[in-house]
Amino acid sequence: MSVETIEKRSTVRKLAPLYRVLLHNDDYNSMEHVVQVLMRTVPSITQPQAVSIMMEAHTNGIALVITCAQEHAEFYCETLKQHGLTSTIEPED
């Protein structure tokens, strides 16, 4: 087998597509509750980040929580919903 044949057989690994987890504003949950749920649901989110995300959703109607692999995005979205928040995911594209 020649070197050229081996090179043609090598595969290029594609990265898994990323998804955005979005938080939608609602008229039911307190700001404090939203901040606490964000910090408990997404361990990498600090309190200042959670406050910023909550305020963005409150002001603009929607906010980006995190961008991650689809499986994680689905988990975060479902966990936010279980705590009474409105959340969706969408491909990053």
PDB file of N, CA and C in Angstrom:
ATOM      1  N   MET A   1       0.853  -1.175   0.000  1.00  0.00           N
ATOM      2  CA  MET A   1       0.000   0.000   0.000  1.00  0.00           C
ATOM      3  C   MET A   1       0.901   1.241   0.000  1.00  0.00           C
ATOM      4  N   SER A   2       0.615   2.156  -0.872  1.00  0.00           N
ATOM      5  CA  SER A   2       1.450   3.348  -0.962  1.00  0.00           C
ATOM      6  C   SER A   2       1.028   4.373   0.088  1.00  0.00           C
ATOM      7  N   VAL A   3       1.906   5.333   0.317  1.00  0.00           N
ATOM      8  CA  VAL A   3       1.624   6.411   1.262  1.00  0.00           C
ATOM      9  C   VAL A   3       0.400   7.203   0.810  1.00  0.00           C
ATOM     10  N   GLU A   4       0.275   7.392  -0.493  1.00  0.00           N
ATOM     11  CA  GLU A   4      -0.852   8.154  -1.039  1.00  0.00           C
ATOM     12  C   GLU A   4      -2.189   7.490  -0.684  1.00  0.00           C
ATOM     13  N   THR A   5      -2.262   6.176  -0.770  1.00  0.00           N
ATOM     14  CA  THR A   5      -3.492   5.444  -0.444  1.00  0.00           C
ATOM     15  C   THR A   5      -3.837   5.613   1.029  1.00  0.00           C
ATOM     16  N   ILE A   6      -2.858   5.526   1.892  1.00  0.00           N
ATOM     17  CA  ILE A   6      -3.083   5.686   3.334  1.00  0.00           C
ATOM     18  C   ILE A   6      -3.608   7.089   3.636  1.00  0.00           C
ATOM     19  N   GLU A   7      -3.055   8.090   3.019  1.00  0.00           N
ATOM     20  CA  GLU A   7      -3.497   9.458   3.257  1.00  0.00           C
ATOM     21  C   GLU A   7      -4.951   9.661   2.839  1.00  0.00           C
ATOM     22  N   LYS A   8      -5.343   9.044   1.735  1.00  0.00           N
ATOM     23  CA  LYS A   8      -6.718   9.201   1.259  1.00  0.00           C
ATOM     24  C   LYS A   8      -7.724   8.539   2.197  1.00  0.00           C
ATOM     25  N   ARG A   9      -7.276   7.503   2.915  1.00  0.00           N
ATOM     26  CA  ARG A   9      -8.177   6.794   3.810  1.00  0.00           C
ATOM     27  C   ARG A   9      -8.345   7.494   5.157  1.00  0.00           C
ATOM     28  N   SER A  10      -7.455   8.385   5.500  1.00  0.00           N
ATOM     29  CA  SER A  10      -7.576   9.051   6.793  1.00  0.00           C
ATOM     30  C   SER A  10      -8.856   9.890   6.809  1.00  0.00           C
ATOM     31  N   THR A  11      -9.495   9.908   7.936  1.00  0.00           N
ATOM     32  CA  THR A  11     -10.771  10.626   8.034  1.00  0.00           C
ATOM     33  C   THR A  11     -10.581  11.918   8.809  1.00  0.00           C
ATOM     34  N   VAL A  12     -11.364  12.870   8.442  1.00  0.00           N
ATOM     35  CA  VAL A  12     -11.353  14.149   9.144  1.00  0.00           C
ATOM     36  C   VAL A  12     -12.481  14.095  10.166  1.00  0.00           C
ATOM     37  N   ARG A  13     -12.145  14.304  11.425  1.00  0.00           N
ATOM     38  CA  ARG A  13     -13.169  14.257  12.470  1.00  0.00           C
ATOM     39  C   ARG A  13     -13.931  15.582  12.492  1.00  0.00           C
ATOM     40  N   LYS A  14     -15.237  15.470  12.441  1.00  0.00           N
ATOM     41  CA  LYS A  14     -16.072  16.667  12.504  1.00  0.00           C
ATOM     42  C   LYS A  14     -16.460  16.909  13.952  1.00  0.00           C
ATOM     43  N   LEU A  15     -16.442  18.152  14.343  1.00  0.00           N
ATOM     44  CA  LEU A  15     -16.881  18.493  15.693  1.00  0.00           C
ATOM     45  C   LEU A  15     -18.397  18.418  15.744  1.00  0.00           C
ATOM     46  N   ALA A  16     -18.906  17.986  16.871  1.00  0.00           N
ATOM     47  CA  ALA A  16     -20.359  17.935  17.043  1.00  0.00           C
ATOM     48  C   ALA A  16     -20.901  19.363  16.947  1.00  0.00           C
ATOM     49  N   PRO A  17     -22.040  19.536  16.295  1.00  0.00           N
ATOM     50  CA  PRO A  17     -22.597  20.884  16.185  1.00  0.00           C
ATOM     51  C   PRO A  17     -22.969  21.430  17.556  1.00  0.00           C
ATOM     52  N   LEU A  18     -22.800  22.716  17.726  1.00  0.00           N
ATOM     53  CA  LEU A  18     -23.115  23.362  19.002  1.00  0.00           C
ATOM     54  C   LEU A  18     -24.536  23.908  18.992  1.00  0.00           C
ATOM     55  N   TYR A  19     -25.113  23.970  20.171  1.00  0.00           N
ATOM     56  CA  TYR A  19     -26.474  24.488  20.342  1.00  0.00           C
ATOM     57  C   TYR A  19     -26.480  25.586  21.392  1.00  0.00           C
ATOM     58  N   ARG A  20     -27.357  26.557  21.182  1.00  0.00           N
ATOM     59  CA  ARG A  20     -27.541  27.651  22.132  1.00  0.00           C
ATOM     60  C   ARG A  20     -28.709  27.310  23.048  1.00  0.00           C
ATOM     61  N   VAL A  21     -28.501  27.487  24.348  1.00  0.00           N
ATOM     62  CA  VAL A  21     -29.587  27.357  25.316  1.00  0.00           C
ATOM     63  C   VAL A  21     -30.080  28.775  25.587  1.00  0.00           C
ATOM     64  N   LEU A  22     -31.366  28.996  25.355  1.00  0.00           N
ATOM     65  CA  LEU A  22     -31.939  30.329  25.495  1.00  0.00           C
ATOM     66  C   LEU A  22     -32.911  30.384  26.668  1.00  0.00           C
ATOM     67  N   LEU A  23     -32.864  31.477  27.395  1.00  0.00           N
ATOM     68  CA  LEU A  23     -33.791  31.736  28.493  1.00  0.00           C
ATOM     69  C   LEU A  23     -34.760  32.806  28.029  1.00  0.00           C
ATOM     70  N   HIS A  24     -36.055  32.545  28.201  1.00  0.00           N
ATOM     71  CA  HIS A  24     -37.086  33.503  27.806  1.00  0.00           C
ATOM     72  C   HIS A  24     -37.656  34.183  29.042  1.00  0.00           C
ATOM     73  N   ASN A  25     -37.966  35.451  28.913  1.00  0.00           N
ATOM     74  CA  ASN A  25     -38.558  36.194  30.022  1.00  0.00           C
ATOM     75  C   ASN A  25     -39.954  35.662  30.318  1.00  0.00           C
ATOM     76  N   ASP A  26     -40.342  35.716  31.573  1.00  0.00           N
ATOM     77  CA  ASP A  26     -41.714  35.381  31.949  1.00  0.00           C
ATOM     78  C   ASP A  26     -42.176  36.345  33.042  1.00  0.00           C
ATOM     79  N   ASP A  27     -43.452  36.333  33.328  1.00  0.00           N
ATOM     80  CA  ASP A  27     -44.009  37.241  34.337  1.00  0.00           C
ATOM     81  C   ASP A  27     -44.268  36.530  35.662  1.00  0.00           C
ATOM     82  N   TYR A  28     -43.710  35.336  35.830  1.00  0.00           N
ATOM     83  CA  TYR A  28     -44.037  34.520  36.991  1.00  0.00           C
ATOM     84  C   TYR A  28     -42.908  34.387  37.998  1.00  0.00           C
ATOM     85  N   ASN A  29     -41.700  34.175  37.538  1.00  0.00           N
ATOM     86  CA  ASN A  29     -40.578  33.898  38.435  1.00  0.00           C
ATOM     87  C   ASN A  29     -39.887  35.165  38.902  1.00  0.00           C
ATOM     88  N   SER A  30     -39.480  35.153  40.174  1.00  0.00           N
ATOM     89  CA  SER A  30     -38.731  36.297  40.701  1.00  0.00           C
ATOM     90  C   SER A  30     -37.334  36.300  40.092  1.00  0.00           C
ATOM     91  N   MET A  31     -36.732  37.472  40.076  1.00  0.00           N
ATOM     92  CA  MET A  31     -35.376  37.593  39.536  1.00  0.00           C
ATOM     93  C   MET A  31     -34.407  36.727  40.334  1.00  0.00           C
ATOM     94  N   GLU A  32     -34.590  36.697  41.657  1.00  0.00           N
ATOM     95  CA  GLU A  32     -33.715  35.901  42.523  1.00  0.00           C
ATOM     96  C   GLU A  32     -33.823  34.419  42.183  1.00  0.00           C
ATOM     97  N   HIS A  33     -35.056  33.954  41.949  1.00  0.00           N
ATOM     98  CA  HIS A  33     -35.264  32.538  41.605  1.00  0.00           C
ATOM     99  C   HIS A  33     -34.546  32.199  40.299  1.00  0.00           C
ATOM    100  N   VAL A  34     -34.675  33.052  39.310  1.00  0.00           N
ATOM    101  CA  VAL A  34     -34.028  32.817  38.010  1.00  0.00           C
ATOM    102  C   VAL A  34     -32.517  32.722  38.176  1.00  0.00           C
ATOM    103  N   VAL A  35     -31.935  33.634  38.933  1.00  0.00           N
ATOM    104  CA  VAL A  35     -30.481  33.634  39.162  1.00  0.00           C
ATOM    105  C   VAL A  35     -30.054  32.339  39.855  1.00  0.00           C
ATOM    106  N   GLN A  36     -30.788  31.937  40.890  1.00  0.00           N
ATOM    107  CA  GLN A  36     -30.447  30.709  41.620  1.00  0.00           C
ATOM    108  C   GLN A  36     -30.548  29.474  40.725  1.00  0.00           C
ATOM    109  N   VAL A  37     -31.606  29.389  39.926  1.00  0.00           N
ATOM    110  CA  VAL A  37     -31.789  28.238  39.033  1.00  0.00           C
ATOM    111  C   VAL A  37     -30.674  28.188  37.989  1.00  0.00           C
ATOM    112  N   LEU A  38     -30.320  29.330  37.426  1.00  0.00           N
ATOM    113  CA  LEU A  38     -29.235  29.361  36.434  1.00  0.00           C
ATOM    114  C   LEU A  38     -27.934  28.832  37.039  1.00  0.00           C
ATOM    115  N   MET A  39     -27.607  29.271  38.247  1.00  0.00           N
ATOM    116  CA  MET A  39     -26.348  28.855  38.877  1.00  0.00           C
ATOM    117  C   MET A  39     -26.376  27.373  39.247  1.00  0.00           C
ATOM    118  N   ARG A  40     -27.528  26.852  39.664  1.00  0.00           N
ATOM    119  CA  ARG A  40     -27.630  25.435  40.009  1.00  0.00           C
ATOM    120  C   ARG A  40     -27.637  24.546  38.775  1.00  0.00           C
ATOM    121  N   THR A  41     -28.232  25.015  37.695  1.00  0.00           N
ATOM    122  CA  THR A  41     -28.394  24.206  36.490  1.00  0.00           C
ATOM    123  C   THR A  41     -27.111  24.129  35.672  1.00  0.00           C
ATOM    124  N   VAL A  42     -26.444  25.260  35.509  1.00  0.00           N
ATOM    125  CA  VAL A  42     -25.216  25.322  34.700  1.00  0.00           C
ATOM    126  C   VAL A  42     -24.060  25.659  35.637  1.00  0.00           C
ATOM    127  N   PRO A  43     -23.316  24.640  36.084  1.00  0.00           N
ATOM    128  CA  PRO A  43     -22.278  24.847  37.098  1.00  0.00           C
ATOM    129  C   PRO A  43     -21.226  25.901  36.748  1.00  0.00           C
ATOM    130  N   SER A  44     -20.985  26.136  35.460  1.00  0.00           N
ATOM    131  CA  SER A  44     -19.938  27.093  35.070  1.00  0.00           C
ATOM    132  C   SER A  44     -20.404  28.544  35.196  1.00  0.00           C
ATOM    133  N   ILE A  45     -21.687  28.768  35.450  1.00  0.00           N
ATOM    134  CA  ILE A  45     -22.204  30.138  35.539  1.00  0.00           C
ATOM    135  C   ILE A  45     -21.994  30.697  36.945  1.00  0.00           C
ATOM    136  N   THR A  46     -21.346  31.855  37.008  1.00  0.00           N
ATOM    137  CA  THR A  46     -21.127  32.543  38.282  1.00  0.00           C
ATOM    138  C   THR A  46     -22.345  33.412  38.601  1.00  0.00           C
ATOM    139  N   GLN A  47     -22.411  33.913  39.816  1.00  0.00           N
ATOM    140  CA  GLN A  47     -23.541  34.767  40.180  1.00  0.00           C
ATOM    141  C   GLN A  47     -23.615  36.027  39.301  1.00  0.00           C
ATOM    142  N   PRO A  48     -22.502  36.732  39.073  1.00  0.00           N
ATOM    143  CA  PRO A  48     -22.604  37.908  38.190  1.00  0.00           C
ATOM    144  C   PRO A  48     -23.083  37.546  36.778  1.00  0.00           C
ATOM    145  N   GLN A  49     -22.649  36.399  36.255  1.00  0.00           N
ATOM    146  CA  GLN A  49     -23.106  35.965  34.925  1.00  0.00           C
ATOM    147  C   GLN A  49     -24.602  35.648  34.958  1.00  0.00           C
ATOM    148  N   ALA A  50     -25.047  34.979  36.020  1.00  0.00           N
ATOM    149  CA  ALA A  50     -26.463  34.626  36.141  1.00  0.00           C
ATOM    150  C   ALA A  50     -27.328  35.886  36.221  1.00  0.00           C
ATOM    151  N   VAL A  51     -26.861  36.878  36.963  1.00  0.00           N
ATOM    152  CA  VAL A  51     -27.588  38.146  37.065  1.00  0.00           C
ATOM    153  C   VAL A  51     -27.655  38.817  35.695  1.00  0.00           C
ATOM    154  N   SER A  52     -26.546  38.794  34.968  1.00  0.00           N
ATOM    155  CA  SER A  52     -26.489  39.402  33.636  1.00  0.00           C
ATOM    156  C   SER A  52     -27.444  38.699  32.665  1.00  0.00           C
ATOM    157  N   ILE A  53     -27.463  37.366  32.685  1.00  0.00           N
ATOM    158  CA  ILE A  53     -28.363  36.591  31.816  1.00  0.00           C
ATOM    159  C   ILE A  53     -29.812  36.895  32.162  1.00  0.00           C
ATOM    160  N   MET A  54     -30.124  36.893  33.458  1.00  0.00           N
ATOM    161  CA  MET A  54     -31.488  37.186  33.909  1.00  0.00           C
ATOM    162  C   MET A  54     -31.920  38.577  33.466  1.00  0.00           C
ATOM    163  N   MET A  55     -31.039  39.558  33.624  1.00  0.00           N
ATOM    164  CA  MET A  55     -31.382  40.940  33.246  1.00  0.00           C
ATOM    165  C   MET A  55     -31.561  41.079  31.734  1.00  0.00           C
ATOM    166  N   GLU A  56     -30.741  40.374  30.964  1.00  0.00           N
ATOM    167  CA  GLU A  56     -30.881  40.422  29.510  1.00  0.00           C
ATOM    168  C   GLU A  56     -32.234  39.844  29.090  1.00  0.00           C
ATOM    169  N   ALA A  57     -32.612  38.710  29.688  1.00  0.00           N
ATOM    170  CA  ALA A  57     -33.921  38.114  29.375  1.00  0.00           C
ATOM    171  C   ALA A  57     -35.044  39.050  29.815  1.00  0.00           C
ATOM    172  N   HIS A  58     -34.894  39.659  30.979  1.00  0.00           N
ATOM    173  CA  HIS A  58     -35.911  40.575  31.505  1.00  0.00           C
ATOM    174  C   HIS A  58     -36.070  41.794  30.594  1.00  0.00           C
ATOM    175  N   THR A  59     -34.954  42.313  30.105  1.00  0.00           N
ATOM    176  CA  THR A  59     -34.961  43.528  29.284  1.00  0.00           C
ATOM    177  C   THR A  59     -35.327  43.263  27.828  1.00  0.00           C
ATOM    178  N   ASN A  60     -34.747  42.190  27.250  1.00  0.00           N
ATOM    179  CA  ASN A  60     -34.892  41.931  25.813  1.00  0.00           C
ATOM    180  C   ASN A  60     -35.854  40.797  25.476  1.00  0.00           C
ATOM    181  N   GLY A  61     -36.334  40.108  26.501  1.00  0.00           N
ATOM    182  CA  GLY A  61     -37.266  39.014  26.265  1.00  0.00           C
ATOM    183  C   GLY A  61     -36.611  37.664  26.082  1.00  0.00           C
ATOM    184  N   ILE A  62     -35.300  37.669  25.824  1.00  0.00           N
ATOM    185  CA  ILE A  62     -34.568  36.418  25.608  1.00  0.00           C
ATOM    186  C   ILE A  62     -33.090  36.650  25.900  1.00  0.00           C
ATOM    187  N   ALA A  63     -32.421  35.586  26.360  1.00  0.00           N
ATOM    188  CA  ALA A  63     -30.989  35.697  26.652  1.00  0.00           C
ATOM    189  C   ALA A  63     -30.299  34.373  26.393  1.00  0.00           C
ATOM    190  N   LEU A  64     -29.055  34.453  25.970  1.00  0.00           N
ATOM    191  CA  LEU A  64     -28.226  33.267  25.767  1.00  0.00           C
ATOM    192  C   LEU A  64     -27.691  32.810  27.121  1.00  0.00           C
ATOM    193  N   VAL A  65     -27.952  31.538  27.463  1.00  0.00           N
ATOM    194  CA  VAL A  65     -27.452  30.984  28.719  1.00  0.00           C
ATOM    195  C   VAL A  65     -26.074  30.374  28.502  1.00  0.00           C
ATOM    196  N   ILE A  66     -25.972  29.473  27.512  1.00  0.00           N
ATOM    197  CA  ILE A  66     -24.713  28.782  27.235  1.00  0.00           C
ATOM    198  C   ILE A  66     -24.784  28.187  25.835  1.00  0.00           C
ATOM    199  N   THR A  67     -23.632  28.006  25.217  1.00  0.00           N
ATOM    200  CA  THR A  67     -23.528  27.307  23.938  1.00  0.00           C
ATOM    201  C   THR A  67     -22.717  26.044  24.202  1.00  0.00           C
ATOM    202  N   CYS A  68     -23.279  24.886  23.817  1.00  0.00           N
ATOM    203  CA  CYS A  68     -22.623  23.623  24.126  1.00  0.00           C
ATOM    204  C   CYS A  68     -23.123  22.525  23.186  1.00  0.00           C
ATOM    205  N   ALA A  69     -22.641  21.313  23.389  1.00  0.00           N
ATOM    206  CA  ALA A  69     -23.067  20.165  22.583  1.00  0.00           C
ATOM    207  C   ALA A  69     -24.568  19.932  22.773  1.00  0.00           C
ATOM    208  N   GLN A  70     -25.207  19.347  21.776  1.00  0.00           N
ATOM    209  CA  GLN A  70     -26.666  19.174  21.794  1.00  0.00           C
ATOM    210  C   GLN A  70     -27.158  18.433  23.031  1.00  0.00           C
ATOM    211  N   GLU A  71     -26.488  17.360  23.408  1.00  0.00           N
ATOM    212  CA  GLU A  71     -26.933  16.572  24.559  1.00  0.00           C
ATOM    213  C   GLU A  71     -26.936  17.406  25.841  1.00  0.00           C
ATOM    214  N   HIS A  72     -25.883  18.197  26.044  1.00  0.00           N
ATOM    215  CA  HIS A  72     -25.818  19.066  27.215  1.00  0.00           C
ATOM    216  C   HIS A  72     -26.878  20.163  27.125  1.00  0.00           C
ATOM    217  N   ALA A  73     -27.048  20.722  25.935  1.00  0.00           N
ATOM    218  CA  ALA A  73     -28.039  21.789  25.738  1.00  0.00           C
ATOM    219  C   ALA A  73     -29.437  21.286  26.082  1.00  0.00           C
ATOM    220  N   GLU A  74     -29.760  20.086  25.629  1.00  0.00           N
ATOM    221  CA  GLU A  74     -31.074  19.513  25.931  1.00  0.00           C
ATOM    222  C   GLU A  74     -31.246  19.306  27.428  1.00  0.00           C
ATOM    223  N   PHE A  75     -30.196  18.834  28.086  1.00  0.00           N
ATOM    224  CA  PHE A  75     -30.244  18.623  29.530  1.00  0.00           C
ATOM    225  C   PHE A  75     -30.466  19.951  30.274  1.00  0.00           C
ATOM    226  N   TYR A  76     -29.678  20.971  29.933  1.00  0.00           N
ATOM    227  CA  TYR A  76     -29.828  22.274  30.593  1.00  0.00           C
ATOM    228  C   TYR A  76     -31.221  22.847  30.357  1.00  0.00           C
ATOM    229  N   CYS A  77     -31.697  22.769  29.126  1.00  0.00           N
ATOM    230  CA  CYS A  77     -33.015  23.296  28.777  1.00  0.00           C
ATOM    231  C   CYS A  77     -34.102  22.604  29.602  1.00  0.00           C
ATOM    232  N   GLU A  78     -34.060  21.288  29.662  1.00  0.00           N
ATOM    233  CA  GLU A  78     -35.068  20.535  30.421  1.00  0.00           C
ATOM    234  C   GLU A  78     -34.993  20.847  31.904  1.00  0.00           C
ATOM    235  N   THR A  79     -33.782  20.979  32.433  1.00  0.00           N
ATOM    236  CA  THR A  79     -33.616  21.273  33.857  1.00  0.00           C
ATOM    237  C   THR A  79     -34.162  22.666  34.184  1.00  0.00           C
ATOM    238  N   LEU A  80     -33.905  23.642  33.307  1.00  0.00           N
ATOM    239  CA  LEU A  80     -34.463  24.983  33.520  1.00  0.00           C
ATOM    240  C   LEU A  80     -35.985  24.916  33.526  1.00  0.00           C
ATOM    241  N   LYS A  81     -36.552  24.153  32.601  1.00  0.00           N
ATOM    242  CA  LYS A  81     -38.013  24.011  32.527  1.00  0.00           C
ATOM    243  C   LYS A  81     -38.570  23.356  33.789  1.00  0.00           C
ATOM    244  N   GLN A  82     -37.858  22.360  34.315  1.00  0.00           N
ATOM    245  CA  GLN A  82     -38.304  21.674  35.529  1.00  0.00           C
ATOM    246  C   GLN A  82     -38.361  22.618  36.727  1.00  0.00           C
ATOM    247  N   HIS A  83     -37.582  23.690  36.668  1.00  0.00           N
ATOM    248  CA  HIS A  83     -37.587  24.687  37.739  1.00  0.00           C
ATOM    249  C   HIS A  83     -38.504  25.872  37.410  1.00  0.00           C
ATOM    250  N   GLY A  84     -39.362  25.699  36.422  1.00  0.00           N
ATOM    251  CA  GLY A  84     -40.370  26.708  36.122  1.00  0.00           C
ATOM    252  C   GLY A  84     -39.956  27.805  35.162  1.00  0.00           C
ATOM    253  N   LEU A  85     -38.769  27.701  34.587  1.00  0.00           N
ATOM    254  CA  LEU A  85     -38.317  28.728  33.652  1.00  0.00           C
ATOM    255  C   LEU A  85     -38.676  28.325  32.227  1.00  0.00           C
ATOM    256  N   THR A  86     -38.748  29.296  31.335  1.00  0.00           N
ATOM    257  CA  THR A  86     -39.032  29.033  29.931  1.00  0.00           C
ATOM    258  C   THR A  86     -37.708  29.035  29.182  1.00  0.00           C
ATOM    259  N   SER A  87     -37.406  27.901  28.535  1.00  0.00           N
ATOM    260  CA  SER A  87     -36.130  27.758  27.852  1.00  0.00           C
ATOM    261  C   SER A  87     -36.307  26.980  26.563  1.00  0.00           C
ATOM    262  N   THR A  88     -35.482  27.315  25.573  1.00  0.00           N
ATOM    263  CA  THR A  88     -35.458  26.589  24.303  1.00  0.00           C
ATOM    264  C   THR A  88     -34.009  26.417  23.896  1.00  0.00           C
ATOM    265  N   ILE A  89     -33.780  25.537  22.898  1.00  0.00           N
ATOM    266  CA  ILE A  89     -32.447  25.415  22.314  1.00  0.00           C
ATOM    267  C   ILE A  89     -32.570  25.619  20.806  1.00  0.00           C
ATOM    268  N   GLU A  90     -31.445  26.041  20.209  1.00  0.00           N
ATOM    269  CA  GLU A  90     -31.387  26.190  18.752  1.00  0.00           C
ATOM    270  C   GLU A  90     -29.954  25.937  18.304  1.00  0.00           C
ATOM    271  N   PRO A  91     -29.789  25.442  17.071  1.00  0.00           N
ATOM    272  CA  PRO A  91     -28.432  25.229  16.554  1.00  0.00           C
ATOM    273  C   PRO A  91     -27.663  26.546  16.511  1.00  0.00           C
ATOM    274  N   GLU A  92     -26.375  26.478  16.767  1.00  0.00           N
ATOM    275  CA  GLU A  92     -25.560  27.698  16.765  1.00  0.00           C
ATOM    276  C   GLU A  92     -25.428  28.281  15.368  1.00  0.00           C
ATOM    277  N   ASP A  93     -25.152  27.429  14.401  1.00  0.00           N
ATOM    278  CA  ASP A  93     -24.954  27.853  12.995  1.00  0.00           C
ATOM    279  C   ASP A  93     -24.285  29.189  12.904  1.00  0.00           C
TER     280      ASP A  93
END
